[in-house]
Amino acid sequence: EYAAGRTPNPCLRCNEKIKFEAVLDRAVAL
C-alpha cells in the first residue's frame, strides 16, 4: 500500500483478515 502511494491502517486489516476472518473461520470449523 505504501509503495502504491497510499496510507494503510494495519490494525484495521488485522481485524478484518486475521481476528475476524482466519480466526473466526477456524473457530466455527472447530
mmCIF file of all heavy atoms, coordinates in Angstrom:
data_MODEL
# 
_entry.id   MODEL 
# 
loop_
_atom_site.group_PDB 
_atom_site.id 
_atom_site.type_symbol 
_atom_site.label_atom_id 
_atom_site.label_alt_id 
_atom_site.label_comp_id 
_atom_site.label_asym_id 
_atom_site.label_entity_id 
_atom_site.label_seq_id 
_atom_site.pdbx_PDB_ins_code 
_atom_site.Cartn_x 
_atom_site.Cartn_y 
_atom_site.Cartn_z 
_atom_site.occupancy 
_atom_site.B_iso_or_equiv 
_atom_site.pdbx_formal_charge 
_atom_site.auth_seq_id 
_atom_site.auth_comp_id 
_atom_site.auth_asym_id 
_atom_site.auth_atom_id 
_atom_site.pdbx_PDB_model_num 
ATOM 1   N N   . GLU A 1 1  ? 0.822   -1.207  0.000  1.00 0.00 ? 1  GLU A N   1 
ATOM 2   C CA  . GLU A 1 1  ? 0.000   0.000   0.000  1.00 0.00 ? 1  GLU A CA  1 
ATOM 3   C C   . GLU A 1 1  ? 0.859   1.262   0.000  1.00 0.00 ? 1  GLU A C   1 
ATOM 4   O O   . GLU A 1 1  ? 0.592   2.215   -0.736 1.00 0.00 ? 1  GLU A O   1 
ATOM 5   C CB  . GLU A 1 1  ? -0.940  -0.002  1.210  1.00 0.00 ? 1  GLU A CB  1 
ATOM 6   C CG  . GLU A 1 1  ? -2.100  -0.962  1.091  1.00 0.00 ? 1  GLU A CG  1 
ATOM 7   C CD  . GLU A 1 1  ? -3.083  -0.508  0.022  1.00 0.00 ? 1  GLU A CD  1 
ATOM 8   O OE1 . GLU A 1 1  ? -3.846  0.438   0.281  1.00 0.00 ? 1  GLU A OE1 1 
ATOM 9   O OE2 . GLU A 1 1  ? -3.054  -1.088  -1.089 1.00 0.00 ? 1  GLU A OE2 1 
ATOM 10  N N   . TYR A 1 2  ? 1.892   1.281   0.827  1.00 0.00 ? 2  TYR A N   1 
ATOM 11  C CA  . TYR A 1 2  ? 2.789   2.438   0.829  1.00 0.00 ? 2  TYR A CA  1 
ATOM 12  C C   . TYR A 1 2  ? 3.498   2.588   -0.509 1.00 0.00 ? 2  TYR A C   1 
ATOM 13  O O   . TYR A 1 2  ? 3.683   3.702   -1.014 1.00 0.00 ? 2  TYR A O   1 
ATOM 14  C CB  . TYR A 1 2  ? 3.811   2.331   1.964  1.00 0.00 ? 2  TYR A CB  1 
ATOM 15  C CG  . TYR A 1 2  ? 3.379   3.038   3.228  1.00 0.00 ? 2  TYR A CG  1 
ATOM 16  C CD1 . TYR A 1 2  ? 2.884   2.333   4.313  1.00 0.00 ? 2  TYR A CD1 1 
ATOM 17  C CD2 . TYR A 1 2  ? 3.457   4.425   3.327  1.00 0.00 ? 2  TYR A CD2 1 
ATOM 18  C CE1 . TYR A 1 2  ? 2.478   2.989   5.474  1.00 0.00 ? 2  TYR A CE1 1 
ATOM 19  C CE2 . TYR A 1 2  ? 3.055   5.087   4.473  1.00 0.00 ? 2  TYR A CE2 1 
ATOM 20  C CZ  . TYR A 1 2  ? 2.566   4.364   5.543  1.00 0.00 ? 2  TYR A CZ  1 
ATOM 21  O OH  . TYR A 1 2  ? 2.159   5.010   6.691  1.00 0.00 ? 2  TYR A OH  1 
ATOM 22  N N   . ALA A 1 3  ? 3.890   1.482   -1.113 1.00 0.00 ? 3  ALA A N   1 
ATOM 23  C CA  . ALA A 1 3  ? 4.556   1.534   -2.416 1.00 0.00 ? 3  ALA A CA  1 
ATOM 24  C C   . ALA A 1 3  ? 3.631   2.114   -3.479 1.00 0.00 ? 3  ALA A C   1 
ATOM 25  O O   . ALA A 1 3  ? 4.092   2.714   -4.454 1.00 0.00 ? 3  ALA A O   1 
ATOM 26  C CB  . ALA A 1 3  ? 5.026   0.142   -2.826 1.00 0.00 ? 3  ALA A CB  1 
ATOM 27  N N   . ALA A 1 4  ? 2.322   1.951   -3.286 1.00 0.00 ? 4  ALA A N   1 
ATOM 28  C CA  . ALA A 1 4  ? 1.341   2.460   -4.241 1.00 0.00 ? 4  ALA A CA  1 
ATOM 29  C C   . ALA A 1 4  ? 0.893   3.881   -3.914 1.00 0.00 ? 4  ALA A C   1 
ATOM 30  O O   . ALA A 1 4  ? -0.031  4.404   -4.544 1.00 0.00 ? 4  ALA A O   1 
ATOM 31  C CB  . ALA A 1 4  ? 0.129   1.539   -4.275 1.00 0.00 ? 4  ALA A CB  1 
ATOM 32  N N   . GLY A 1 5  ? 1.532   4.511   -2.923 1.00 0.00 ? 5  GLY A N   1 
ATOM 33  C CA  . GLY A 1 5  ? 1.204   5.887   -2.589 1.00 0.00 ? 5  GLY A CA  1 
ATOM 34  C C   . GLY A 1 5  ? 0.033   6.037   -1.638 1.00 0.00 ? 5  GLY A C   1 
ATOM 35  O O   . GLY A 1 5  ? -0.492  7.134   -1.464 1.00 0.00 ? 5  GLY A O   1 
ATOM 36  N N   . ARG A 1 6  ? -0.380  4.942   -1.005 1.00 0.00 ? 6  ARG A N   1 
ATOM 37  C CA  . ARG A 1 6  ? -1.497  5.003   -0.074 1.00 0.00 ? 6  ARG A CA  1 
ATOM 38  C C   . ARG A 1 6  ? -1.007  4.833   1.365  1.00 0.00 ? 6  ARG A C   1 
ATOM 39  O O   . ARG A 1 6  ? 0.115   4.404   1.598  1.00 0.00 ? 6  ARG A O   1 
ATOM 40  C CB  . ARG A 1 6  ? -2.528  3.926   -0.423 1.00 0.00 ? 6  ARG A CB  1 
ATOM 41  C CG  . ARG A 1 6  ? -3.173  4.134   -1.795 1.00 0.00 ? 6  ARG A CG  1 
ATOM 42  C CD  . ARG A 1 6  ? -4.257  3.114   -2.075 1.00 0.00 ? 6  ARG A CD  1 
ATOM 43  N NE  . ARG A 1 6  ? -3.713  1.790   -2.361 1.00 0.00 ? 6  ARG A NE  1 
ATOM 44  C CZ  . ARG A 1 6  ? -3.442  1.322   -3.576 1.00 0.00 ? 6  ARG A CZ  1 
ATOM 45  N NH1 . ARG A 1 6  ? -3.609  2.104   -4.635 1.00 0.00 ? 6  ARG A NH1 1 
ATOM 46  N NH2 . ARG A 1 6  ? -2.981  0.090   -3.749 1.00 0.00 ? 6  ARG A NH2 1 
ATOM 47  N N   . THR A 1 7  ? -1.873  5.160   2.319  1.00 0.00 ? 7  THR A N   1 
ATOM 48  C CA  . THR A 1 7  ? -1.522  5.075   3.738  1.00 0.00 ? 7  THR A CA  1 
ATOM 49  C C   . THR A 1 7  ? -2.455  4.079   4.409  1.00 0.00 ? 7  THR A C   1 
ATOM 50  O O   . THR A 1 7  ? -3.595  4.412   4.750  1.00 0.00 ? 7  THR A O   1 
ATOM 51  C CB  . THR A 1 7  ? -1.652  6.452   4.415  1.00 0.00 ? 7  THR A CB  1 
ATOM 52  O OG1 . THR A 1 7  ? -0.876  7.414   3.702  1.00 0.00 ? 7  THR A OG1 1 
ATOM 53  C CG2 . THR A 1 7  ? -1.163  6.381   5.863  1.00 0.00 ? 7  THR A CG2 1 
ATOM 54  N N   . PRO A 1 8  ? -2.034  2.835   4.595  1.00 0.00 ? 8  PRO A N   1 
ATOM 55  C CA  . PRO A 1 8  ? -2.918  1.796   5.140  1.00 0.00 ? 8  PRO A CA  1 
ATOM 56  C C   . PRO A 1 8  ? -3.061  1.890   6.650  1.00 0.00 ? 8  PRO A C   1 
ATOM 57  O O   . PRO A 1 8  ? -2.285  2.563   7.332  1.00 0.00 ? 8  PRO A O   1 
ATOM 58  C CB  . PRO A 1 8  ? -2.188  0.512   4.742  1.00 0.00 ? 8  PRO A CB  1 
ATOM 59  C CG  . PRO A 1 8  ? -0.738  0.903   4.788  1.00 0.00 ? 8  PRO A CG  1 
ATOM 60  C CD  . PRO A 1 8  ? -0.690  2.326   4.275  1.00 0.00 ? 8  PRO A CD  1 
ATOM 61  N N   . ASN A 1 9  ? -4.071  1.204   7.171  1.00 0.00 ? 9  ASN A N   1 
ATOM 62  C CA  . ASN A 1 9  ? -4.254  1.059   8.614  1.00 0.00 ? 9  ASN A CA  1 
ATOM 63  C C   . ASN A 1 9  ? -4.108  -0.425  8.945  1.00 0.00 ? 9  ASN A C   1 
ATOM 64  O O   . ASN A 1 9  ? -5.044  -1.206  8.747  1.00 0.00 ? 9  ASN A O   1 
ATOM 65  C CB  . ASN A 1 9  ? -5.642  1.569   9.034  1.00 0.00 ? 9  ASN A CB  1 
ATOM 66  C CG  . ASN A 1 9  ? -5.826  1.553   10.545 1.00 0.00 ? 9  ASN A CG  1 
ATOM 67  O OD1 . ASN A 1 9  ? -5.486  0.590   11.214 1.00 0.00 ? 9  ASN A OD1 1 
ATOM 68  N ND2 . ASN A 1 9  ? -6.359  2.633   11.085 1.00 0.00 ? 9  ASN A ND2 1 
ATOM 69  N N   . PRO A 1 10 ? -2.931  -0.852  9.422  1.00 0.00 ? 10 PRO A N   1 
ATOM 70  C CA  . PRO A 1 10 ? -2.702  -2.284  9.641  1.00 0.00 ? 10 PRO A CA  1 
ATOM 71  C C   . PRO A 1 10 ? -3.569  -2.892  10.736 1.00 0.00 ? 10 PRO A C   1 
ATOM 72  O O   . PRO A 1 10 ? -3.885  -4.086  10.674 1.00 0.00 ? 10 PRO A O   1 
ATOM 73  C CB  . PRO A 1 10 ? -1.214  -2.356  9.996  1.00 0.00 ? 10 PRO A CB  1 
ATOM 74  C CG  . PRO A 1 10 ? -0.881  -0.989  10.504 1.00 0.00 ? 10 PRO A CG  1 
ATOM 75  C CD  . PRO A 1 10 ? -1.742  -0.039  9.731  1.00 0.00 ? 10 PRO A CD  1 
ATOM 76  N N   . CYS A 1 11 ? -3.984  -2.092  11.739 1.00 0.00 ? 11 CYS A N   1 
ATOM 77  C CA  . CYS A 1 11 ? -4.849  -2.635  12.789 1.00 0.00 ? 11 CYS A CA  1 
ATOM 78  C C   . CYS A 1 11 ? -6.212  -3.017  12.208 1.00 0.00 ? 11 CYS A C   1 
ATOM 79  O O   . CYS A 1 11 ? -6.779  -4.057  12.555 1.00 0.00 ? 11 CYS A O   1 
ATOM 80  C CB  . CYS A 1 11 ? -5.027  -1.618  13.913 1.00 0.00 ? 11 CYS A CB  1 
ATOM 81  S SG  . CYS A 1 11 ? -3.510  -1.293  14.830 1.00 0.00 ? 11 CYS A SG  1 
ATOM 82  N N   . LEU A 1 12 ? -6.725  -2.176  11.326 1.00 0.00 ? 12 LEU A N   1 
ATOM 83  C CA  . LEU A 1 12 ? -7.989  -2.482  10.670 1.00 0.00 ? 12 LEU A CA  1 
ATOM 84  C C   . LEU A 1 12 ? -7.857  -3.742  9.825  1.00 0.00 ? 12 LEU A C   1 
ATOM 85  O O   . LEU A 1 12 ? -8.722  -4.619  9.843  1.00 0.00 ? 12 LEU A O   1 
ATOM 86  C CB  . LEU A 1 12 ? -8.412  -1.282  9.823  1.00 0.00 ? 12 LEU A CB  1 
ATOM 87  C CG  . LEU A 1 12 ? -9.786  -1.315  9.167  1.00 0.00 ? 12 LEU A CG  1 
ATOM 88  C CD1 . LEU A 1 12 ? -10.325 0.105   9.038  1.00 0.00 ? 12 LEU A CD1 1 
ATOM 89  C CD2 . LEU A 1 12 ? -9.710  -1.953  7.786  1.00 0.00 ? 12 LEU A CD2 1 
ATOM 90  N N   . ARG A 1 13 ? -6.758  -3.832  9.082  1.00 0.00 ? 13 ARG A N   1 
ATOM 91  C CA  . ARG A 1 13 ? -6.558  -5.006  8.221  1.00 0.00 ? 13 ARG A CA  1 
ATOM 92  C C   . ARG A 1 13 ? -6.404  -6.272  9.049  1.00 0.00 ? 13 ARG A C   1 
ATOM 93  O O   . ARG A 1 13 ? -6.886  -7.343  8.677  1.00 0.00 ? 13 ARG A O   1 
ATOM 94  C CB  . ARG A 1 13 ? -5.325  -4.797  7.350  1.00 0.00 ? 13 ARG A CB  1 
ATOM 95  C CG  . ARG A 1 13 ? -5.233  -5.740  6.177  1.00 0.00 ? 13 ARG A CG  1 
ATOM 96  C CD  . ARG A 1 13 ? -6.375  -5.547  5.184  1.00 0.00 ? 13 ARG A CD  1 
ATOM 97  N NE  . ARG A 1 13 ? -6.361  -4.215  4.603  1.00 0.00 ? 13 ARG A NE  1 
ATOM 98  C CZ  . ARG A 1 13 ? -7.416  -3.406  4.574  1.00 0.00 ? 13 ARG A CZ  1 
ATOM 99  N NH1 . ARG A 1 13 ? -8.579  -3.800  5.083  1.00 0.00 ? 13 ARG A NH1 1 
ATOM 100 N NH2 . ARG A 1 13 ? -7.343  -2.212  4.032  1.00 0.00 ? 13 ARG A NH2 1 
ATOM 101 N N   . CYS A 1 14 ? -5.753  -6.175  10.211 1.00 0.00 ? 14 CYS A N   1 
ATOM 102 C CA  . CYS A 1 14 ? -5.583  -7.344  11.084 1.00 0.00 ? 14 CYS A CA  1 
ATOM 103 C C   . CYS A 1 14 ? -6.932  -7.820  11.615 1.00 0.00 ? 14 CYS A C   1 
ATOM 104 O O   . CYS A 1 14 ? -7.209  -9.021  11.661 1.00 0.00 ? 14 CYS A O   1 
ATOM 105 C CB  . CYS A 1 14 ? -4.645  -6.994  12.235 1.00 0.00 ? 14 CYS A CB  1 
ATOM 106 S SG  . CYS A 1 14 ? -4.281  -8.387  13.332 1.00 0.00 ? 14 CYS A SG  1 
ATOM 107 N N   . ASN A 1 15 ? -7.781  -6.868  12.020 1.00 0.00 ? 15 ASN A N   1 
ATOM 108 C CA  . ASN A 1 15 ? -9.114  -7.261  12.481 1.00 0.00 ? 15 ASN A CA  1 
ATOM 109 C C   . ASN A 1 15 ? -9.898  -7.934  11.370 1.00 0.00 ? 15 ASN A C   1 
ATOM 110 O O   . ASN A 1 15 ? -10.576 -8.939  11.593 1.00 0.00 ? 15 ASN A O   1 
ATOM 111 C CB  . ASN A 1 15 ? -9.881  -6.023  12.982 1.00 0.00 ? 15 ASN A CB  1 
ATOM 112 C CG  . ASN A 1 15 ? -9.431  -5.586  14.354 1.00 0.00 ? 15 ASN A CG  1 
ATOM 113 O OD1 . ASN A 1 15 ? -9.134  -6.408  15.206 1.00 0.00 ? 15 ASN A OD1 1 
ATOM 114 N ND2 . ASN A 1 15 ? -9.357  -4.286  14.572 1.00 0.00 ? 15 ASN A ND2 1 
ATOM 115 N N   . GLU A 1 16 ? -9.798  -7.373  10.165 1.00 0.00 ? 16 GLU A N   1 
ATOM 116 C CA  . GLU A 1 16 ? -10.558 -7.908  9.040  1.00 0.00 ? 16 GLU A CA  1 
ATOM 117 C C   . GLU A 1 16 ? -10.058 -9.282  8.616  1.00 0.00 ? 16 GLU A C   1 
ATOM 118 O O   . GLU A 1 16 ? -10.851 -10.234 8.506  1.00 0.00 ? 16 GLU A O   1 
ATOM 119 C CB  . GLU A 1 16 ? -10.455 -6.941  7.855  1.00 0.00 ? 16 GLU A CB  1 
ATOM 120 C CG  . GLU A 1 16 ? -11.142 -7.445  6.591  1.00 0.00 ? 16 GLU A CG  1 
ATOM 121 C CD  . GLU A 1 16 ? -10.849 -6.589  5.378  1.00 0.00 ? 16 GLU A CD  1 
ATOM 122 O OE1 . GLU A 1 16 ? -9.865  -5.810  5.416  1.00 0.00 ? 16 GLU A OE1 1 
ATOM 123 O OE2 . GLU A 1 16 ? -11.590 -6.699  4.385  1.00 0.00 ? 16 GLU A OE2 1 
ATOM 124 N N   . LYS A 1 17 ? -8.755  -9.409  8.378  1.00 0.00 ? 17 LYS A N   1 
ATOM 125 C CA  . LYS A 1 17 ? -8.209  -10.612 7.750  1.00 0.00 ? 17 LYS A CA  1 
ATOM 126 C C   . LYS A 1 17 ? -7.781  -11.697 8.740  1.00 0.00 ? 17 LYS A C   1 
ATOM 127 O O   . LYS A 1 17 ? -7.797  -12.878 8.397  1.00 0.00 ? 17 LYS A O   1 
ATOM 128 C CB  . LYS A 1 17 ? -7.016  -10.238 6.874  1.00 0.00 ? 17 LYS A CB  1 
ATOM 129 C CG  . LYS A 1 17 ? -7.371  -9.344  5.694  1.00 0.00 ? 17 LYS A CG  1 
ATOM 130 C CD  . LYS A 1 17 ? -8.290  -10.059 4.720  1.00 0.00 ? 17 LYS A CD  1 
ATOM 131 C CE  . LYS A 1 17 ? -8.566  -9.222  3.488  1.00 0.00 ? 17 LYS A CE  1 
ATOM 132 N NZ  . LYS A 1 17 ? -9.470  -9.908  2.543  1.00 0.00 ? 17 LYS A NZ  1 
ATOM 133 N N   . ILE A 1 18 ? -7.377  -11.297 9.943  1.00 0.00 ? 18 ILE A N   1 
ATOM 134 C CA  . ILE A 1 18 ? -6.858  -12.285 10.894 1.00 0.00 ? 18 ILE A CA  1 
ATOM 135 C C   . ILE A 1 18 ? -7.887  -12.592 11.986 1.00 0.00 ? 18 ILE A C   1 
ATOM 136 O O   . ILE A 1 18 ? -8.446  -13.686 12.042 1.00 0.00 ? 18 ILE A O   1 
ATOM 137 C CB  . ILE A 1 18 ? -5.544  -11.789 11.528 1.00 0.00 ? 18 ILE A CB  1 
ATOM 138 C CG1 . ILE A 1 18 ? -4.503  -11.475 10.442 1.00 0.00 ? 18 ILE A CG1 1 
ATOM 139 C CG2 . ILE A 1 18 ? -5.004  -12.845 12.491 1.00 0.00 ? 18 ILE A CG2 1 
ATOM 140 C CD1 . ILE A 1 18 ? -4.131  -12.650 9.562  1.00 0.00 ? 18 ILE A CD1 1 
ATOM 141 N N   . LYS A 1 19 ? -8.205  -11.614 12.833 1.00 0.00 ? 19 LYS A N   1 
ATOM 142 C CA  . LYS A 1 19 ? -9.030  -11.895 14.005 1.00 0.00 ? 19 LYS A CA  1 
ATOM 143 C C   . LYS A 1 19 ? -10.471 -12.251 13.665 1.00 0.00 ? 19 LYS A C   1 
ATOM 144 O O   . LYS A 1 19 ? -11.116 -13.026 14.383 1.00 0.00 ? 19 LYS A O   1 
ATOM 145 C CB  . LYS A 1 19 ? -8.985  -10.694 14.952 1.00 0.00 ? 19 LYS A CB  1 
ATOM 146 C CG  . LYS A 1 19 ? -7.599  -10.453 15.537 1.00 0.00 ? 19 LYS A CG  1 
ATOM 147 C CD  . LYS A 1 19 ? -7.545  -9.206  16.384 1.00 0.00 ? 19 LYS A CD  1 
ATOM 148 C CE  . LYS A 1 19 ? -6.132  -8.966  16.898 1.00 0.00 ? 19 LYS A CE  1 
ATOM 149 N NZ  . LYS A 1 19 ? -6.000  -7.691  17.624 1.00 0.00 ? 19 LYS A NZ  1 
ATOM 150 N N   . PHE A 1 20 ? -11.003 -11.666 12.576 1.00 0.00 ? 20 PHE A N   1 
ATOM 151 C CA  . PHE A 1 20 ? -12.399 -11.941 12.263 1.00 0.00 ? 20 PHE A CA  1 
ATOM 152 C C   . PHE A 1 20 ? -12.586 -12.541 10.874 1.00 0.00 ? 20 PHE A C   1 
ATOM 153 O O   . PHE A 1 20 ? -13.634 -12.425 10.277 1.00 0.00 ? 20 PHE A O   1 
ATOM 154 C CB  . PHE A 1 20 ? -13.229 -10.666 12.421 1.00 0.00 ? 20 PHE A CB  1 
ATOM 155 C CG  . PHE A 1 20 ? -13.358 -10.248 13.851 1.00 0.00 ? 20 PHE A CG  1 
ATOM 156 C CD1 . PHE A 1 20 ? -12.495 -9.315  14.388 1.00 0.00 ? 20 PHE A CD1 1 
ATOM 157 C CD2 . PHE A 1 20 ? -14.316 -10.820 14.659 1.00 0.00 ? 20 PHE A CD2 1 
ATOM 158 C CE1 . PHE A 1 20 ? -12.597 -8.947  15.712 1.00 0.00 ? 20 PHE A CE1 1 
ATOM 159 C CE2 . PHE A 1 20 ? -14.427 -10.459 15.997 1.00 0.00 ? 20 PHE A CE2 1 
ATOM 160 C CZ  . PHE A 1 20 ? -13.558 -9.520  16.528 1.00 0.00 ? 20 PHE A CZ  1 
ATOM 161 N N   . GLU A 1 21 ? -11.569 -13.165 10.367 1.00 0.00 ? 21 GLU A N   1 
ATOM 162 C CA  . GLU A 1 21 ? -11.719 -13.970 9.155  1.00 0.00 ? 21 GLU A CA  1 
ATOM 163 C C   . GLU A 1 21 ? -11.027 -15.304 9.387  1.00 0.00 ? 21 GLU A C   1 
ATOM 164 O O   . GLU A 1 21 ? -11.678 -16.331 9.552  1.00 0.00 ? 21 GLU A O   1 
ATOM 165 C CB  . GLU A 1 21 ? -11.145 -13.251 7.930  1.00 0.00 ? 21 GLU A CB  1 
ATOM 166 C CG  . GLU A 1 21 ? -11.405 -14.001 6.629  1.00 0.00 ? 21 GLU A CG  1 
ATOM 167 C CD  . GLU A 1 21 ? -11.029 -13.189 5.401  1.00 0.00 ? 21 GLU A CD  1 
ATOM 168 O OE1 . GLU A 1 21 ? -11.572 -12.085 5.227  1.00 0.00 ? 21 GLU A OE1 1 
ATOM 169 O OE2 . GLU A 1 21 ? -10.177 -13.670 4.615  1.00 0.00 ? 21 GLU A OE2 1 
ATOM 170 N N   . ALA A 1 22 ? -9.705  -15.271 9.454  1.00 0.00 ? 22 ALA A N   1 
ATOM 171 C CA  . ALA A 1 22 ? -8.968  -16.525 9.636  1.00 0.00 ? 22 ALA A CA  1 
ATOM 172 C C   . ALA A 1 22 ? -9.313  -17.185 10.979 1.00 0.00 ? 22 ALA A C   1 
ATOM 173 O O   . ALA A 1 22 ? -9.608  -18.388 11.045 1.00 0.00 ? 22 ALA A O   1 
ATOM 174 C CB  . ALA A 1 22 ? -7.468  -16.262 9.541  1.00 0.00 ? 22 ALA A CB  1 
ATOM 175 N N   . VAL A 1 23 ? -9.295  -16.406 12.065 1.00 0.00 ? 23 VAL A N   1 
ATOM 176 C CA  . VAL A 1 23 ? -9.566  -16.978 13.387 1.00 0.00 ? 23 VAL A CA  1 
ATOM 177 C C   . VAL A 1 23 ? -11.021 -17.409 13.509 1.00 0.00 ? 23 VAL A C   1 
ATOM 178 O O   . VAL A 1 23 ? -11.324 -18.514 13.986 1.00 0.00 ? 23 VAL A O   1 
ATOM 179 C CB  . VAL A 1 23 ? -9.205  -15.969 14.497 1.00 0.00 ? 23 VAL A CB  1 
ATOM 180 C CG1 . VAL A 1 23 ? -9.695  -16.474 15.860 1.00 0.00 ? 23 VAL A CG1 1 
ATOM 181 C CG2 . VAL A 1 23 ? -7.703  -15.754 14.543 1.00 0.00 ? 23 VAL A CG2 1 
ATOM 182 N N   . LEU A 1 24 ? -11.936 -16.544 13.087 1.00 0.00 ? 24 LEU A N   1 
ATOM 183 C CA  . LEU A 1 24 ? -13.353 -16.878 13.203 1.00 0.00 ? 24 LEU A CA  1 
ATOM 184 C C   . LEU A 1 24 ? -13.702 -18.092 12.348 1.00 0.00 ? 24 LEU A C   1 
ATOM 185 O O   . LEU A 1 24 ? -14.441 -18.977 12.788 1.00 0.00 ? 24 LEU A O   1 
ATOM 186 C CB  . LEU A 1 24 ? -14.205 -15.683 12.806 1.00 0.00 ? 24 LEU A CB  1 
ATOM 187 C CG  . LEU A 1 24 ? -15.721 -15.854 12.946 1.00 0.00 ? 24 LEU A CG  1 
ATOM 188 C CD1 . LEU A 1 24 ? -16.096 -16.239 14.371 1.00 0.00 ? 24 LEU A CD1 1 
ATOM 189 C CD2 . LEU A 1 24 ? -16.434 -14.579 12.534 1.00 0.00 ? 24 LEU A CD2 1 
ATOM 190 N N   . ASP A 1 25 ? -13.154 -18.157 11.144 1.00 0.00 ? 25 ASP A N   1 
ATOM 191 C CA  . ASP A 1 25 ? -13.419 -19.319 10.290 1.00 0.00 ? 25 ASP A CA  1 
ATOM 192 C C   . ASP A 1 25 ? -12.937 -20.604 10.952 1.00 0.00 ? 25 ASP A C   1 
ATOM 193 O O   . ASP A 1 25 ? -13.633 -21.630 10.930 1.00 0.00 ? 25 ASP A O   1 
ATOM 194 C CB  . ASP A 1 25 ? -12.731 -19.148 8.932  1.00 0.00 ? 25 ASP A CB  1 
ATOM 195 C CG  . ASP A 1 25 ? -13.422 -18.115 8.053  1.00 0.00 ? 25 ASP A CG  1 
ATOM 196 O OD1 . ASP A 1 25 ? -14.528 -17.674 8.418  1.00 0.00 ? 25 ASP A OD1 1 
ATOM 197 O OD2 . ASP A 1 25 ? -12.846 -17.742 7.015  1.00 0.00 ? 25 ASP A OD2 1 
ATOM 198 N N   . ARG A 1 26 ? -11.741 -20.554 11.546 1.00 0.00 ? 26 ARG A N   1 
ATOM 199 C CA  . ARG A 1 26 ? -11.209 -21.743 12.206 1.00 0.00 ? 26 ARG A CA  1 
ATOM 200 C C   . ARG A 1 26 ? -12.041 -22.087 13.436 1.00 0.00 ? 26 ARG A C   1 
ATOM 201 O O   . ARG A 1 26 ? -12.308 -23.264 13.713 1.00 0.00 ? 26 ARG A O   1 
ATOM 202 C CB  . ARG A 1 26 ? -9.742  -21.521 12.600 1.00 0.00 ? 26 ARG A CB  1 
ATOM 203 C CG  . ARG A 1 26 ? -9.080  -22.752 13.171 1.00 0.00 ? 26 ARG A CG  1 
ATOM 204 C CD  . ARG A 1 26 ? -7.636  -22.508 13.597 1.00 0.00 ? 26 ARG A CD  1 
ATOM 205 N NE  . ARG A 1 26 ? -6.759  -22.195 12.471 1.00 0.00 ? 26 ARG A NE  1 
ATOM 206 C CZ  . ARG A 1 26 ? -5.437  -22.051 12.590 1.00 0.00 ? 26 ARG A CZ  1 
ATOM 207 N NH1 . ARG A 1 26 ? -4.855  -22.192 13.784 1.00 0.00 ? 26 ARG A NH1 1 
ATOM 208 N NH2 . ARG A 1 26 ? -4.704  -21.756 11.538 1.00 0.00 ? 26 ARG A NH2 1 
ATOM 209 N N   . ALA A 1 27 ? -12.450 -21.057 14.183 1.00 0.00 ? 27 ALA A N   1 
ATOM 210 C CA  . ALA A 1 27 ? -13.247 -21.289 15.387 1.00 0.00 ? 27 ALA A CA  1 
ATOM 211 C C   . ALA A 1 27 ? -14.572 -21.968 15.048 1.00 0.00 ? 27 ALA A C   1 
ATOM 212 O O   . ALA A 1 27 ? -14.983 -22.938 15.708 1.00 0.00 ? 27 ALA A O   1 
ATOM 213 C CB  . ALA A 1 27 ? -13.500 -19.959 16.101 1.00 0.00 ? 27 ALA A CB  1 
ATOM 214 N N   . VAL A 1 28 ? -15.242 -21.484 14.014 1.00 0.00 ? 28 VAL A N   1 
ATOM 215 C CA  . VAL A 1 28 ? -16.524 -22.075 13.612 1.00 0.00 ? 28 VAL A CA  1 
ATOM 216 C C   . VAL A 1 28 ? -16.325 -23.516 13.161 1.00 0.00 ? 28 VAL A C   1 
ATOM 217 O O   . VAL A 1 28 ? -17.113 -24.405 13.481 1.00 0.00 ? 28 VAL A O   1 
ATOM 218 C CB  . VAL A 1 28 ? -17.180 -21.229 12.501 1.00 0.00 ? 28 VAL A CB  1 
ATOM 219 C CG1 . VAL A 1 28 ? -18.396 -21.944 11.924 1.00 0.00 ? 28 VAL A CG1 1 
ATOM 220 C CG2 . VAL A 1 28 ? -17.572 -19.857 13.039 1.00 0.00 ? 28 VAL A CG2 1 
ATOM 221 N N   . ALA A 1 29 ? -15.233 -23.754 12.427 1.00 0.00 ? 29 ALA A N   1 
ATOM 222 C CA  . ALA A 1 29 ? -14.949 -25.115 11.964 1.00 0.00 ? 29 ALA A CA  1 
ATOM 223 C C   . ALA A 1 29 ? -14.710 -26.066 13.132 1.00 0.00 ? 29 ALA A C   1 
ATOM 224 O O   . ALA A 1 29 ? -14.981 -27.270 13.026 1.00 0.00 ? 29 ALA A O   1 
ATOM 225 C CB  . ALA A 1 29 ? -13.732 -25.100 11.032 1.00 0.00 ? 29 ALA A CB  1 
ATOM 226 N N   . LEU A 1 30 ? -14.223 -25.523 14.244 1.00 0.00 ? 30 LEU A N   1 
ATOM 227 C CA  . LEU A 1 30 ? -13.955 -26.348 15.426 1.00 0.00 ? 30 LEU A CA  1 
ATOM 228 C C   . LEU A 1 30 ? -15.162 -26.443 16.355 1.00 0.00 ? 30 LEU A C   1 
ATOM 229 O O   . LEU A 1 30 ? -15.065 -27.043 17.431 1.00 0.00 ? 30 LEU A O   1 
ATOM 230 C CB  . LEU A 1 30 ? -12.760 -25.768 16.197 1.00 0.00 ? 30 LEU A CB  1 
ATOM 231 C CG  . LEU A 1 30 ? -11.401 -25.895 15.500 1.00 0.00 ? 30 LEU A CG  1 
ATOM 232 C CD1 . LEU A 1 30 ? -10.329 -25.120 16.266 1.00 0.00 ? 30 LEU A CD1 1 
ATOM 233 C CD2 . LEU A 1 30 ? -10.996 -27.361 15.363 1.00 0.00 ? 30 LEU A CD2 1 
# 
